[in-house]
Amino acid sequence: MLISPAFAQTAPAAGGDMMSSLGSMLPLLLMFVVLYFVMIRPQMKRQKEHKAMIDALAKGDEVATAGGLLGKVANLDDGQIGLEIASGVVVQLQRHAVVQVLPKGSIK
């Protein structure tokens, strides 16, 4: 005969598998905890630091933007800044485009 007969198995008891289901979920929970401490928590810390830097911007600060522009903050609005990139040349940028506040005198 080419096909062997299939035999039905009896269902396991419902109450005794609590420990085995907890044991099978333990690696998943452990992976989530490791993911939280390795990826999520440091990213949240960087976001908090970036928000504090953006909120602390003042007129005259020298900044670098995500697009690579260097300049001095000429004016501040709620969501935008005016960045003076050359003498008399002011461009409007979103505040979140600023990635770094440079030390005074960095831009000549």
C-alpha atoms as a PDB file:
ATOM      1  CA  MET A   1       0.000   0.000   0.000  1.00  0.00           C
ATOM      2  CA  LEU A   2       1.382   3.428  -0.933  1.00  0.00           C
ATOM      3  CA  ILE A   3      -0.417   5.513   1.687  1.00  0.00           C
ATOM      4  CA  SER A   4      -0.244   4.542   5.329  1.00  0.00           C
ATOM      5  CA  PRO A   5      -3.397   4.983   7.410  1.00  0.00           C
ATOM      6  CA  ALA A   6      -3.598   8.105   9.572  1.00  0.00           C
ATOM      7  CA  PHE A   7      -4.407   7.695  13.218  1.00  0.00           C
ATOM      8  CA  ALA A   8      -6.122  10.424  15.210  1.00  0.00           C
ATOM      9  CA  GLN A   9      -4.408  11.611  18.341  1.00  0.00           C
ATOM     10  CA  THR A  10      -6.275  12.411  21.487  1.00  0.00           C
ATOM     11  CA  ALA A  11      -6.384  16.068  22.531  1.00  0.00           C
ATOM     12  CA  PRO A  12      -4.154  16.979  25.484  1.00  0.00           C
ATOM     13  CA  ALA A  13      -5.760  17.941  28.767  1.00  0.00           C
ATOM     14  CA  ALA A  14      -6.724  21.636  28.887  1.00  0.00           C
ATOM     15  CA  GLY A  15      -5.460  22.503  32.371  1.00  0.00           C
ATOM     16  CA  GLY A  16      -1.925  21.089  32.317  1.00  0.00           C
ATOM     17  CA  ASP A  17      -0.425  23.217  29.532  1.00  0.00           C
ATOM     18  CA  MET A  18      -0.156  26.552  31.332  1.00  0.00           C
ATOM     19  CA  MET A  19       3.561  26.141  32.020  1.00  0.00           C
ATOM     20  CA  SER A  20       4.348  24.965  28.507  1.00  0.00           C
ATOM     21  CA  SER A  21       2.553  27.939  26.914  1.00  0.00           C
ATOM     22  CA  LEU A  22       4.351  30.324  29.274  1.00  0.00           C
ATOM     23  CA  GLY A  23       7.640  28.648  28.398  1.00  0.00           C
ATOM     24  CA  SER A  24       6.974  29.051  24.700  1.00  0.00           C
ATOM     25  CA  MET A  25       6.215  32.784  25.109  1.00  0.00           C
ATOM     26  CA  LEU A  26       9.286  33.466  27.247  1.00  0.00           C
ATOM     27  CA  PRO A  27      11.733  33.819  24.296  1.00  0.00           C
ATOM     28  CA  LEU A  28       9.360  36.279  22.604  1.00  0.00           C
ATOM     29  CA  LEU A  29       9.097  38.373  25.760  1.00  0.00           C
ATOM     30  CA  LEU A  30      12.848  38.252  26.242  1.00  0.00           C
ATOM     31  CA  MET A  31      13.419  39.430  22.656  1.00  0.00           C
ATOM     32  CA  PHE A  32      11.039  42.368  23.191  1.00  0.00           C
ATOM     33  CA  VAL A  33      12.856  43.415  26.384  1.00  0.00           C
ATOM     34  CA  VAL A  34      16.234  43.274  24.622  1.00  0.00           C
ATOM     35  CA  LEU A  35      14.822  45.210  21.653  1.00  0.00           C
ATOM     36  CA  TYR A  36      13.484  47.884  23.991  1.00  0.00           C
ATOM     37  CA  PHE A  37      16.813  48.442  25.738  1.00  0.00           C
ATOM     38  CA  VAL A  38      18.959  48.184  22.592  1.00  0.00           C
ATOM     39  CA  MET A  39      16.891  50.164  20.076  1.00  0.00           C
ATOM     40  CA  ILE A  40      13.791  51.905  21.401  1.00  0.00           C
ATOM     41  CA  ARG A  41      15.126  53.499  24.578  1.00  0.00           C
ATOM     42  CA  PRO A  42      18.255  55.078  23.000  1.00  0.00           C
ATOM     43  CA  GLN A  43      16.153  56.455  20.123  1.00  0.00           C
ATOM     44  CA  MET A  44      13.726  58.054  22.578  1.00  0.00           C
ATOM     45  CA  LYS A  45      16.676  59.584  24.435  1.00  0.00           C
ATOM     46  CA  ARG A  46      18.077  61.073  21.207  1.00  0.00           C
ATOM     47  CA  GLN A  47      14.653  62.501  20.324  1.00  0.00           C
ATOM     48  CA  LYS A  48      14.371  64.124  23.746  1.00  0.00           C
ATOM     49  CA  GLU A  49      17.860  65.671  23.432  1.00  0.00           C
ATOM     50  CA  HIS A  50      17.089  66.961  19.911  1.00  0.00           C
ATOM     51  CA  LYS A  51      13.827  68.549  21.089  1.00  0.00           C
ATOM     52  CA  ALA A  52      15.647  70.259  23.976  1.00  0.00           C
ATOM     53  CA  MET A  53      18.276  71.585  21.538  1.00  0.00           C
ATOM     54  CA  ILE A  54      15.585  72.892  19.157  1.00  0.00           C
ATOM     55  CA  ASP A  55      13.687  74.570  22.000  1.00  0.00           C
ATOM     56  CA  ALA A  56      16.872  76.238  23.273  1.00  0.00           C
ATOM     57  CA  LEU A  57      17.754  77.887  19.932  1.00  0.00           C
ATOM     58  CA  ALA A  58      18.339  81.617  20.230  1.00  0.00           C
ATOM     59  CA  LYS A  59      19.048  84.433  17.833  1.00  0.00           C
ATOM     60  CA  GLY A  60      22.758  84.493  16.942  1.00  0.00           C
ATOM     61  CA  ASP A  61      23.382  80.762  17.471  1.00  0.00           C
ATOM     62  CA  GLU A  62      25.505  79.107  14.812  1.00  0.00           C
ATOM     63  CA  VAL A  63      23.914  75.908  13.545  1.00  0.00           C
ATOM     64  CA  ALA A  64      24.329  73.103  11.019  1.00  0.00           C
ATOM     65  CA  THR A  65      21.260  71.763   9.207  1.00  0.00           C
ATOM     66  CA  ALA A  66      20.328  68.342   7.866  1.00  0.00           C
ATOM     67  CA  GLY A  67      20.933  69.651   4.342  1.00  0.00           C
ATOM     68  CA  GLY A  68      24.480  70.724   5.180  1.00  0.00           C
ATOM     69  CA  LEU A  69      23.890  74.470   5.473  1.00  0.00           C
ATOM     70  CA  LEU A  70      25.877  76.369   8.073  1.00  0.00           C
ATOM     71  CA  GLY A  71      24.682  79.713   9.302  1.00  0.00           C
ATOM     72  CA  LYS A  72      23.566  81.980  12.112  1.00  0.00           C
ATOM     73  CA  VAL A  73      20.011  82.096  13.384  1.00  0.00           C
ATOM     74  CA  ALA A  74      18.619  85.458  12.267  1.00  0.00           C
ATOM     75  CA  ASN A  75      15.037  85.138  13.517  1.00  0.00           C
ATOM     76  CA  LEU A  76      12.829  82.593  15.238  1.00  0.00           C
ATOM     77  CA  ASP A  77       9.191  81.685  14.679  1.00  0.00           C
ATOM     78  CA  ASP A  78       7.123  78.882  16.184  1.00  0.00           C
ATOM     79  CA  GLY A  79       7.961  76.259  13.572  1.00  0.00           C
ATOM     80  CA  GLN A  80      10.579  78.012  11.446  1.00  0.00           C
ATOM     81  CA  ILE A  81      13.877  79.813  11.746  1.00  0.00           C
ATOM     82  CA  GLY A  82      15.547  82.362   9.527  1.00  0.00           C
ATOM     83  CA  LEU A  83      19.104  81.199   8.868  1.00  0.00           C
ATOM     84  CA  GLU A  84      21.635  83.735   7.613  1.00  0.00           C
ATOM     85  CA  ILE A  85      23.952  81.713   5.378  1.00  0.00           C
ATOM     86  CA  ALA A  86      25.822  84.699   3.948  1.00  0.00           C
ATOM     87  CA  SER A  87      25.877  88.420   4.522  1.00  0.00           C
ATOM     88  CA  GLY A  88      22.326  89.578   3.796  1.00  0.00           C
ATOM     89  CA  VAL A  89      21.102  86.138   2.643  1.00  0.00           C
ATOM     90  CA  VAL A  90      18.457  84.666   4.962  1.00  0.00           C
ATOM     91  CA  VAL A  91      16.684  81.386   4.211  1.00  0.00           C
ATOM     92  CA  GLN A  92      13.642  80.028   6.031  1.00  0.00           C
ATOM     93  CA  LEU A  93      13.961  76.513   7.452  1.00  0.00           C
ATOM     94  CA  GLN A  94      11.911  74.304   9.692  1.00  0.00           C
ATOM     95  CA  ARG A  95      13.269  74.108  13.211  1.00  0.00           C
ATOM     96  CA  HIS A  96      13.619  70.334  12.976  1.00  0.00           C
ATOM     97  CA  ALA A  97      16.109  70.694  10.112  1.00  0.00           C
ATOM     98  CA  VAL A  98      18.717  71.868  12.621  1.00  0.00           C
ATOM     99  CA  VAL A  99      20.909  68.933  13.619  1.00  0.00           C
ATOM    100  CA  GLN A 100      23.689  70.626  15.573  1.00  0.00           C
ATOM    101  CA  VAL A 101      24.411  73.854  17.380  1.00  0.00           C
ATOM    102  CA  LEU A 102      28.013  74.828  16.645  1.00  0.00           C
ATOM    103  CA  PRO A 103      30.405  76.594  19.041  1.00  0.00           C
ATOM    104  CA  LYS A 104      30.538  80.376  18.701  1.00  0.00           C
ATOM    105  CA  GLY A 105      33.008  81.504  16.034  1.00  0.00           C
ATOM    106  CA  SER A 106      32.843  78.301  13.986  1.00  0.00           C
ATOM    107  CA  ILE A 107      31.501  80.118  10.947  1.00  0.00           C
ATOM    108  CA  LYS A 108      33.743  82.768   9.441  1.00  0.00           C
END
